[in-house]
Amino acid sequence: RQKTFLVTKPDLTHLTRHQYCSKSRGTNLAGKPVLTLFTKECCQLCDEALEDLGPERLDMVELREVDITLEENEHWFNKYRYEIPVFYLNKKFLCKNRMDLDLFDAEIKKLSQET
């Protein structure tokens, strides 16, 4: 006998950061703050930082990744090669080396009060 489940929101907790980003691109992101992650392939600290954020916080933002190892991102590579993960929120530096959840929450709250 087959079970039927009603899912109202996709469960993204099992996805890698690359899969999460590709899933996010298809949704309506109007009005969401942009969280930019400066990263590279096989960055375990980046994966851990996104895990720390969790799906609820990630749903509040449009997540964009910048692969610092790409030729067009040489500037970011020179600046952050020893610092990743590095996060910007709406083009403003947020944190590096790990996700500061208290700071993220405070900045999201501040942005929501501005609108």
N, C-alpha and C. Protein backbone atom coordinates (compact mmCIF):
# COMPACT_ATOMS: atom_id res chain seq x y z
N ARG A 1 0.84 -1.18 0.00
CA ARG A 1 0.00 0.00 0.00
C ARG A 1 0.88 1.24 0.00
N GLN A 2 0.58 2.16 -0.89
CA GLN A 2 1.39 3.36 -1.04
C GLN A 2 0.89 4.46 -0.12
N LYS A 3 1.81 5.15 0.56
CA LYS A 3 1.44 6.26 1.44
C LYS A 3 1.51 7.56 0.65
N THR A 4 0.62 8.49 0.95
CA THR A 4 0.62 9.80 0.32
C THR A 4 0.93 10.83 1.38
N PHE A 5 1.85 11.71 1.06
CA PHE A 5 2.24 12.77 1.99
C PHE A 5 1.92 14.11 1.37
N LEU A 6 1.40 15.01 2.18
CA LEU A 6 1.15 16.37 1.74
C LEU A 6 2.31 17.22 2.21
N VAL A 7 3.02 17.81 1.28
CA VAL A 7 4.17 18.64 1.61
C VAL A 7 3.85 20.07 1.21
N THR A 8 3.86 20.97 2.18
CA THR A 8 3.54 22.36 1.89
C THR A 8 4.78 23.17 1.56
N LYS A 9 5.92 22.73 2.05
CA LYS A 9 7.17 23.45 1.84
C LYS A 9 8.26 22.42 1.57
N PRO A 10 9.09 22.63 0.55
CA PRO A 10 10.11 21.62 0.28
C PRO A 10 11.12 21.52 1.43
N ASP A 11 11.54 20.30 1.71
CA ASP A 11 12.56 20.07 2.73
C ASP A 11 13.92 20.19 2.06
N LEU A 12 14.65 21.24 2.39
CA LEU A 12 15.94 21.49 1.75
C LEU A 12 17.10 21.15 2.67
N THR A 13 16.82 20.57 3.82
CA THR A 13 17.87 20.33 4.80
C THR A 13 18.91 19.34 4.31
N HIS A 14 18.54 18.45 3.40
CA HIS A 14 19.47 17.42 2.94
C HIS A 14 20.27 17.85 1.72
N LEU A 15 19.99 19.02 1.17
CA LEU A 15 20.65 19.46 -0.05
C LEU A 15 22.02 20.06 0.23
N THR A 16 22.92 19.91 -0.71
CA THR A 16 24.20 20.60 -0.62
C THR A 16 23.96 22.06 -0.93
N ARG A 17 24.94 22.91 -0.67
CA ARG A 17 24.76 24.33 -0.94
C ARG A 17 24.51 24.60 -2.40
N HIS A 18 25.13 23.83 -3.30
CA HIS A 18 24.93 24.05 -4.73
C HIS A 18 23.51 23.68 -5.14
N GLN A 19 23.00 22.59 -4.58
CA GLN A 19 21.64 22.19 -4.90
C GLN A 19 20.65 23.20 -4.33
N TYR A 20 20.92 23.72 -3.13
CA TYR A 20 20.01 24.70 -2.54
C TYR A 20 19.94 25.95 -3.40
N CYS A 21 21.08 26.41 -3.85
CA CYS A 21 21.10 27.61 -4.69
C CYS A 21 20.32 27.39 -5.97
N SER A 22 20.49 26.24 -6.59
CA SER A 22 19.78 26.01 -7.85
C SER A 22 18.29 25.87 -7.59
N LYS A 23 17.90 25.32 -6.47
CA LYS A 23 16.48 25.24 -6.13
C LYS A 23 15.92 26.64 -5.87
N SER A 24 16.71 27.50 -5.26
CA SER A 24 16.25 28.84 -4.89
C SER A 24 16.03 29.73 -6.10
N ARG A 25 16.80 29.53 -7.15
CA ARG A 25 16.74 30.43 -8.29
C ARG A 25 15.38 30.46 -8.95
N GLY A 26 14.61 29.38 -8.87
CA GLY A 26 13.34 29.32 -9.56
C GLY A 26 12.19 29.95 -8.81
N THR A 27 12.41 30.41 -7.59
CA THR A 27 11.32 30.95 -6.80
C THR A 27 11.22 32.46 -6.96
N ASN A 28 10.10 33.02 -6.53
CA ASN A 28 9.92 34.46 -6.57
C ASN A 28 10.71 35.07 -5.43
N LEU A 29 11.74 35.80 -5.76
CA LEU A 29 12.64 36.32 -4.73
C LEU A 29 12.50 37.82 -4.53
N ALA A 30 11.49 38.40 -5.13
CA ALA A 30 11.30 39.86 -5.02
C ALA A 30 11.20 40.26 -3.56
N GLY A 31 11.99 41.26 -3.21
CA GLY A 31 11.91 41.80 -1.85
C GLY A 31 12.78 41.10 -0.83
N LYS A 32 13.37 39.99 -1.18
CA LYS A 32 14.22 39.30 -0.22
C LYS A 32 15.62 39.91 -0.22
N PRO A 33 16.24 40.01 0.97
CA PRO A 33 17.63 40.45 1.02
C PRO A 33 18.52 39.42 0.31
N VAL A 34 19.63 39.88 -0.23
CA VAL A 34 20.56 39.00 -0.94
C VAL A 34 21.71 38.64 -0.01
N LEU A 35 21.86 37.35 0.25
CA LEU A 35 22.98 36.84 1.03
C LEU A 35 23.98 36.26 0.04
N THR A 36 25.16 36.87 -0.03
CA THR A 36 26.19 36.42 -0.95
C THR A 36 27.23 35.63 -0.17
N LEU A 37 27.52 34.44 -0.68
CA LEU A 37 28.53 33.57 -0.07
C LEU A 37 29.73 33.49 -1.01
N PHE A 38 30.88 33.95 -0.54
CA PHE A 38 32.12 33.80 -1.27
C PHE A 38 32.70 32.45 -0.88
N THR A 39 32.90 31.57 -1.86
CA THR A 39 33.18 30.18 -1.60
C THR A 39 34.07 29.60 -2.69
N LYS A 40 34.29 28.31 -2.64
CA LYS A 40 34.97 27.55 -3.70
C LYS A 40 34.49 26.11 -3.60
N GLU A 41 34.82 25.31 -4.62
CA GLU A 41 34.44 23.90 -4.60
C GLU A 41 35.00 23.21 -3.36
N CYS A 42 34.24 22.28 -2.84
CA CYS A 42 34.68 21.45 -1.71
C CYS A 42 35.08 22.28 -0.50
N CYS A 43 34.25 23.23 -0.15
CA CYS A 43 34.51 24.05 1.03
C CYS A 43 33.63 23.55 2.18
N GLN A 44 34.21 22.73 3.02
CA GLN A 44 33.45 22.14 4.13
C GLN A 44 32.97 23.22 5.10
N LEU A 45 33.78 24.23 5.36
CA LEU A 45 33.37 25.31 6.27
C LEU A 45 32.16 26.07 5.70
N CYS A 46 32.12 26.21 4.37
CA CYS A 46 30.98 26.88 3.73
C CYS A 46 29.72 26.04 3.91
N ASP A 47 29.85 24.74 3.70
CA ASP A 47 28.70 23.84 3.89
C ASP A 47 28.21 23.89 5.33
N GLU A 48 29.14 23.90 6.27
CA GLU A 48 28.77 23.95 7.69
C GLU A 48 28.08 25.27 8.03
N ALA A 49 28.55 26.37 7.45
CA ALA A 49 27.94 27.67 7.71
C ALA A 49 26.50 27.69 7.20
N LEU A 50 26.27 27.11 6.03
CA LEU A 50 24.90 27.05 5.50
C LEU A 50 24.03 26.12 6.31
N GLU A 51 24.60 25.03 6.80
CA GLU A 51 23.86 24.13 7.69
C GLU A 51 23.45 24.87 8.95
N ASP A 52 24.36 25.68 9.49
CA ASP A 52 24.07 26.46 10.70
C ASP A 52 22.90 27.41 10.45
N LEU A 53 22.87 28.01 9.27
CA LEU A 53 21.76 28.91 8.93
C LEU A 53 20.44 28.15 8.90
N GLY A 54 20.45 26.98 8.33
CA GLY A 54 19.25 26.16 8.26
C GLY A 54 18.25 26.68 7.24
N PRO A 55 17.29 25.85 6.89
CA PRO A 55 16.34 26.20 5.84
C PRO A 55 15.45 27.40 6.17
N GLU A 56 15.10 27.58 7.43
CA GLU A 56 14.22 28.71 7.79
C GLU A 56 14.91 30.05 7.53
N ARG A 57 16.15 30.18 7.93
CA ARG A 57 16.87 31.43 7.69
C ARG A 57 17.18 31.60 6.19
N LEU A 58 17.54 30.50 5.54
CA LEU A 58 17.85 30.58 4.11
C LEU A 58 16.62 30.96 3.29
N ASP A 59 15.44 30.61 3.76
CA ASP A 59 14.21 30.99 3.06
C ASP A 59 13.95 32.49 3.15
N MET A 60 14.60 33.17 4.08
CA MET A 60 14.41 34.62 4.25
C MET A 60 15.22 35.43 3.25
N VAL A 61 16.17 34.79 2.57
CA VAL A 61 17.11 35.50 1.70
C VAL A 61 17.19 34.84 0.33
N GLU A 62 17.74 35.61 -0.60
CA GLU A 62 18.15 35.03 -1.88
C GLU A 62 19.63 34.72 -1.74
N LEU A 63 19.98 33.45 -1.81
CA LEU A 63 21.36 33.02 -1.64
C LEU A 63 22.07 33.04 -2.98
N ARG A 64 23.18 33.77 -3.04
CA ARG A 64 24.02 33.82 -4.24
C ARG A 64 25.42 33.41 -3.86
N GLU A 65 26.01 32.56 -4.70
CA GLU A 65 27.38 32.11 -4.44
C GLU A 65 28.33 32.75 -5.44
N VAL A 66 29.51 33.10 -4.94
CA VAL A 66 30.57 33.59 -5.79
C VAL A 66 31.74 32.62 -5.62
N ASP A 67 32.05 31.89 -6.68
CA ASP A 67 33.18 30.96 -6.65
C ASP A 67 34.45 31.77 -6.88
N ILE A 68 35.23 31.92 -5.83
CA ILE A 68 36.41 32.79 -5.90
C ILE A 68 37.52 32.21 -6.76
N THR A 69 37.41 30.93 -7.15
CA THR A 69 38.45 30.32 -7.97
C THR A 69 38.25 30.55 -9.46
N LEU A 70 37.12 31.10 -9.85
CA LEU A 70 36.88 31.39 -11.26
C LEU A 70 37.73 32.59 -11.69
N GLU A 71 38.17 32.55 -12.92
CA GLU A 71 39.06 33.60 -13.43
C GLU A 71 38.48 35.00 -13.26
N GLU A 72 37.18 35.14 -13.51
CA GLU A 72 36.56 36.46 -13.40
C GLU A 72 36.42 36.96 -11.96
N ASN A 73 36.72 36.09 -11.00
CA ASN A 73 36.62 36.47 -9.59
C ASN A 73 38.00 36.55 -8.92
N GLU A 74 39.02 36.83 -9.71
CA GLU A 74 40.38 36.90 -9.19
C GLU A 74 40.51 37.90 -8.04
N HIS A 75 39.83 39.03 -8.15
CA HIS A 75 39.86 40.04 -7.08
C HIS A 75 39.41 39.43 -5.75
N TRP A 76 38.29 38.69 -5.80
CA TRP A 76 37.75 38.09 -4.57
C TRP A 76 38.67 36.98 -4.07
N PHE A 77 39.30 36.24 -4.98
CA PHE A 77 40.25 35.20 -4.59
C PHE A 77 41.41 35.82 -3.81
N ASN A 78 41.97 36.90 -4.36
CA ASN A 78 43.09 37.56 -3.70
C ASN A 78 42.70 38.13 -2.34
N LYS A 79 41.47 38.55 -2.22
CA LYS A 79 41.01 39.16 -0.97
C LYS A 79 40.61 38.11 0.08
N TYR A 80 39.96 37.00 -0.35
CA TYR A 80 39.34 36.08 0.60
C TYR A 80 39.83 34.64 0.56
N ARG A 81 40.91 34.35 -0.15
CA ARG A 81 41.30 32.94 -0.31
C ARG A 81 41.55 32.23 1.01
N TYR A 82 41.96 32.95 2.04
CA TYR A 82 42.20 32.32 3.35
C TYR A 82 41.09 32.60 4.36
N GLU A 83 40.01 33.18 3.90
CA GLU A 83 38.96 33.65 4.82
C GLU A 83 37.62 32.94 4.65
N ILE A 84 37.44 32.18 3.56
CA ILE A 84 36.10 31.65 3.27
C ILE A 84 35.66 30.67 4.35
N PRO A 85 34.39 30.62 4.63
CA PRO A 85 33.31 31.35 3.96
C PRO A 85 33.26 32.83 4.37
N VAL A 86 32.88 33.65 3.41
CA VAL A 86 32.67 35.07 3.65
C VAL A 86 31.25 35.38 3.20
N PHE A 87 30.52 36.10 4.04
CA PHE A 87 29.13 36.44 3.74
C PHE A 87 28.94 37.95 3.66
N TYR A 88 28.18 38.36 2.65
CA TYR A 88 27.72 39.73 2.51
C TYR A 88 26.20 39.69 2.53
N LEU A 89 25.59 40.69 3.13
CA LEU A 89 24.14 40.82 3.11
C LEU A 89 23.81 42.13 2.43
N ASN A 90 23.11 42.03 1.31
CA ASN A 90 22.80 43.22 0.48
C ASN A 90 24.05 44.03 0.17
N LYS A 91 25.09 43.33 -0.29
CA LYS A 91 26.35 43.93 -0.74
C LYS A 91 27.16 44.58 0.38
N LYS A 92 26.80 44.29 1.62
CA LYS A 92 27.52 44.83 2.78
C LYS A 92 28.13 43.66 3.55
N PHE A 93 29.42 43.78 3.88
CA PHE A 93 30.10 42.70 4.61
C PHE A 93 29.31 42.32 5.86
N LEU A 94 29.14 41.01 6.07
CA LEU A 94 28.42 40.52 7.24
C LEU A 94 29.38 39.78 8.19
N CYS A 95 30.04 38.74 7.70
CA CYS A 95 30.95 37.97 8.56
C CYS A 95 31.83 37.06 7.70
N LYS A 96 32.86 36.50 8.33
CA LYS A 96 33.75 35.59 7.63
C LYS A 96 34.19 34.46 8.56
N ASN A 97 34.72 33.40 7.96
CA ASN A 97 35.23 32.20 8.63
C ASN A 97 34.13 31.29 9.19
N ARG A 98 33.03 31.85 9.59
CA ARG A 98 31.87 31.09 10.08
C ARG A 98 30.67 32.03 10.05
N MET A 99 29.49 31.47 10.14
CA MET A 99 28.29 32.31 10.14
C MET A 99 28.00 32.76 11.57
N ASP A 100 27.88 34.06 11.75
CA ASP A 100 27.50 34.64 13.03
C ASP A 100 25.98 34.75 13.04
N LEU A 101 25.32 33.77 13.64
CA LEU A 101 23.86 33.71 13.60
C LEU A 101 23.19 34.89 14.31
N ASP A 102 23.76 35.33 15.41
CA ASP A 102 23.19 36.48 16.12
C ASP A 102 23.24 37.73 15.25
N LEU A 103 24.36 37.93 14.59
CA LEU A 103 24.51 39.08 13.70
C LEU A 103 23.56 38.97 12.50
N PHE A 104 23.48 37.78 11.92
CA PHE A 104 22.56 37.56 10.80
C PHE A 104 21.13 37.90 11.21
N ASP A 105 20.70 37.36 12.34
CA ASP A 105 19.33 37.61 12.81
C ASP A 105 19.09 39.10 13.05
N ALA A 106 20.06 39.77 13.65
CA ALA A 106 19.91 41.21 13.93
C ALA A 106 19.83 42.02 12.64
N GLU A 107 20.65 41.68 11.66
CA GLU A 107 20.64 42.41 10.39
C GLU A 107 19.35 42.15 9.61
N ILE A 108 18.86 40.93 9.63
CA ILE A 108 17.59 40.61 8.96
C ILE A 108 16.45 41.37 9.63
N LYS A 109 16.47 41.41 10.96
CA LYS A 109 15.44 42.15 11.69
C LYS A 109 15.49 43.63 11.35
N LYS A 110 16.70 44.19 11.28
CA LYS A 110 16.88 45.60 10.95
C LYS A 110 16.34 45.88 9.53
N LEU A 111 16.64 45.00 8.59
CA LEU A 111 16.15 45.17 7.22
C LEU A 111 14.64 45.09 7.14
N SER A 112 14.05 44.19 7.94
CA SER A 112 12.59 44.06 7.89
C SER A 112 11.90 45.28 8.50
N GLN A 113 12.56 45.95 9.42
CA GLN A 113 11.99 47.15 10.03
C GLN A 113 12.10 48.37 9.10
N GLU A 114 13.06 48.33 8.18
CA GLU A 114 13.24 49.43 7.24
C GLU A 114 12.19 49.44 6.16
N THR A 115 11.59 48.29 5.89
CA THR A 115 10.59 48.22 4.81
C THR A 115 9.19 48.38 5.32
